[in-house]
Amino acid sequence: MEFVLPHGEMLRLLRACGFVVEDLIEIQAPQPARDYAEVSADWAQQWPSEEIWKARLAG
């Protein structure tokens, strides 16, 4: 089982801790791709399977 905060909750948490979110990069699998234990290649080519949150401390 994996627990992941929804984007809105993550954004509110980062802001409450004094961070400014500069970017959110959602990565999709390229063509061709292979299946992984977490997601299939077909799924990962349609929806992001990884995210990169770019944030910095305000000020």
N, C-alpha and C. Protein backbone atom coordinates (compact mmCIF):
# COMPACT_ATOMS: atom_id res chain seq x y z
N MET A 1 0.83 -1.16 0.00
CA MET A 1 0.00 0.00 0.00
C MET A 1 0.88 1.23 0.00
N GLU A 2 0.46 2.23 -0.74
CA GLU A 2 1.20 3.48 -0.82
C GLU A 2 0.26 4.64 -0.53
N PHE A 3 0.74 5.59 0.26
CA PHE A 3 -0.06 6.77 0.57
C PHE A 3 0.56 7.97 -0.09
N VAL A 4 -0.24 8.70 -0.86
CA VAL A 4 0.23 9.90 -1.53
C VAL A 4 -0.80 11.00 -1.29
N LEU A 5 -0.32 12.17 -0.88
CA LEU A 5 -1.23 13.30 -0.70
C LEU A 5 -1.77 13.75 -2.05
N PRO A 6 -3.04 14.12 -2.13
CA PRO A 6 -3.55 14.73 -3.36
C PRO A 6 -2.81 16.05 -3.62
N HIS A 7 -2.80 16.48 -4.87
CA HIS A 7 -2.05 17.69 -5.23
C HIS A 7 -2.45 18.90 -4.40
N GLY A 8 -3.74 19.09 -4.17
CA GLY A 8 -4.19 20.23 -3.39
C GLY A 8 -3.66 20.20 -1.97
N GLU A 9 -3.67 19.03 -1.35
CA GLU A 9 -3.15 18.89 0.01
C GLU A 9 -1.64 19.12 0.05
N MET A 10 -0.92 18.61 -0.95
CA MET A 10 0.53 18.81 -1.01
C MET A 10 0.85 20.29 -1.17
N LEU A 11 0.10 20.98 -2.01
CA LEU A 11 0.30 22.41 -2.22
C LEU A 11 0.05 23.18 -0.92
N ARG A 12 -1.04 22.87 -0.23
CA ARG A 12 -1.34 23.54 1.04
C ARG A 12 -0.27 23.25 2.10
N LEU A 13 0.22 22.02 2.16
CA LEU A 13 1.26 21.65 3.12
C LEU A 13 2.55 22.42 2.84
N LEU A 14 2.97 22.46 1.59
CA LEU A 14 4.20 23.18 1.25
C LEU A 14 4.07 24.66 1.58
N ARG A 15 2.93 25.26 1.25
CA ARG A 15 2.72 26.68 1.56
C ARG A 15 2.70 26.92 3.06
N ALA A 16 2.06 26.04 3.82
CA ALA A 16 2.00 26.18 5.28
C ALA A 16 3.39 26.08 5.92
N CYS A 17 4.30 25.38 5.26
CA CYS A 17 5.67 25.23 5.77
C CYS A 17 6.61 26.30 5.22
N GLY A 18 6.06 27.29 4.50
CA GLY A 18 6.87 28.41 4.03
C GLY A 18 7.48 28.23 2.66
N PHE A 19 7.02 27.27 1.88
CA PHE A 19 7.56 27.05 0.55
C PHE A 19 6.71 27.73 -0.52
N VAL A 20 7.36 28.06 -1.63
CA VAL A 20 6.70 28.55 -2.83
C VAL A 20 6.89 27.47 -3.89
N VAL A 21 5.82 26.99 -4.48
CA VAL A 21 5.91 25.97 -5.53
C VAL A 21 6.16 26.68 -6.86
N GLU A 22 7.27 26.36 -7.49
CA GLU A 22 7.63 26.98 -8.75
C GLU A 22 7.20 26.17 -9.96
N ASP A 23 7.08 24.86 -9.79
CA ASP A 23 6.70 24.03 -10.93
C ASP A 23 6.27 22.66 -10.44
N LEU A 24 5.45 22.01 -11.23
CA LEU A 24 5.06 20.61 -11.04
C LEU A 24 5.19 19.94 -12.39
N ILE A 25 6.11 19.01 -12.48
CA ILE A 25 6.37 18.30 -13.74
C ILE A 25 5.82 16.89 -13.60
N GLU A 26 4.89 16.54 -14.49
CA GLU A 26 4.28 15.21 -14.48
C GLU A 26 4.87 14.42 -15.64
N ILE A 27 5.49 13.30 -15.31
CA ILE A 27 6.24 12.52 -16.30
C ILE A 27 5.42 11.34 -16.78
N GLN A 28 5.34 11.21 -18.10
CA GLN A 28 4.68 10.06 -18.72
C GLN A 28 5.72 9.21 -19.42
N ALA A 29 5.42 7.94 -19.56
CA ALA A 29 6.34 7.00 -20.21
C ALA A 29 6.44 7.31 -21.71
N PRO A 30 7.63 7.20 -22.26
CA PRO A 30 7.80 7.43 -23.70
C PRO A 30 7.36 6.20 -24.50
N GLN A 31 7.29 6.38 -25.80
CA GLN A 31 7.04 5.26 -26.71
C GLN A 31 8.40 4.75 -27.17
N PRO A 32 8.75 3.53 -27.21
CA PRO A 32 8.10 2.43 -26.50
C PRO A 32 8.48 2.45 -25.02
N ALA A 33 7.70 1.81 -24.23
CA ALA A 33 7.97 1.71 -22.79
C ALA A 33 7.75 0.27 -22.35
N ARG A 34 8.28 -0.07 -21.19
CA ARG A 34 8.08 -1.42 -20.66
C ARG A 34 7.25 -1.35 -19.39
N ASP A 35 6.64 -2.45 -19.03
CA ASP A 35 5.86 -2.51 -17.80
C ASP A 35 6.78 -2.49 -16.58
N TYR A 36 6.30 -1.87 -15.53
CA TYR A 36 6.98 -1.87 -14.24
C TYR A 36 6.05 -2.50 -13.22
N ALA A 37 6.57 -2.80 -12.05
CA ALA A 37 5.75 -3.42 -11.01
C ALA A 37 4.62 -2.49 -10.58
N GLU A 38 4.89 -1.17 -10.59
CA GLU A 38 3.91 -0.20 -10.12
C GLU A 38 2.80 0.08 -11.13
N VAL A 39 3.17 0.21 -12.40
CA VAL A 39 2.20 0.55 -13.44
C VAL A 39 2.57 -0.16 -14.74
N SER A 40 1.55 -0.37 -15.58
CA SER A 40 1.82 -0.94 -16.90
C SER A 40 2.27 0.15 -17.86
N ALA A 41 2.93 -0.23 -18.93
CA ALA A 41 3.38 0.73 -19.94
C ALA A 41 2.20 1.47 -20.55
N ASP A 42 1.10 0.75 -20.84
CA ASP A 42 -0.08 1.40 -21.41
C ASP A 42 -0.62 2.48 -20.49
N TRP A 43 -0.71 2.19 -19.21
CA TRP A 43 -1.22 3.16 -18.24
C TRP A 43 -0.28 4.37 -18.15
N ALA A 44 1.02 4.10 -18.05
CA ALA A 44 2.01 5.17 -17.88
C ALA A 44 2.16 6.06 -19.10
N GLN A 45 1.72 5.58 -20.27
CA GLN A 45 1.76 6.42 -21.47
C GLN A 45 0.54 7.33 -21.56
N GLN A 46 -0.51 7.01 -20.81
CA GLN A 46 -1.72 7.83 -20.82
C GLN A 46 -1.76 8.83 -19.67
N TRP A 47 -1.20 8.47 -18.52
CA TRP A 47 -1.25 9.31 -17.32
C TRP A 47 0.13 9.37 -16.68
N PRO A 48 0.43 10.49 -16.03
CA PRO A 48 1.73 10.59 -15.37
C PRO A 48 1.89 9.53 -14.28
N SER A 49 3.04 8.90 -14.26
CA SER A 49 3.30 7.90 -13.22
C SER A 49 4.34 8.40 -12.23
N GLU A 50 4.95 9.53 -12.52
CA GLU A 50 5.93 10.15 -11.63
C GLU A 50 5.71 11.65 -11.66
N GLU A 51 6.11 12.32 -10.56
CA GLU A 51 5.98 13.77 -10.48
C GLU A 51 7.25 14.36 -9.89
N ILE A 52 7.55 15.56 -10.32
CA ILE A 52 8.65 16.33 -9.74
C ILE A 52 8.06 17.65 -9.27
N TRP A 53 8.14 17.90 -7.97
CA TRP A 53 7.68 19.16 -7.39
C TRP A 53 8.91 20.04 -7.21
N LYS A 54 8.89 21.22 -7.82
CA LYS A 54 9.99 22.18 -7.67
C LYS A 54 9.50 23.27 -6.73
N ALA A 55 10.11 23.34 -5.54
CA ALA A 55 9.68 24.30 -4.52
C ALA A 55 10.92 24.90 -3.85
N ARG A 56 10.73 26.10 -3.32
CA ARG A 56 11.82 26.77 -2.60
C ARG A 56 11.22 27.47 -1.38
N LEU A 57 12.05 27.70 -0.39
CA LEU A 57 11.60 28.44 0.77
C LEU A 57 11.35 29.90 0.38
N ALA A 58 10.24 30.44 0.81
CA ALA A 58 9.91 31.83 0.49
C ALA A 58 10.88 32.76 1.20
N GLY A 59 11.16 33.89 0.55
CA GLY A 59 11.99 34.91 1.20
C GLY A 59 13.39 34.98 0.77
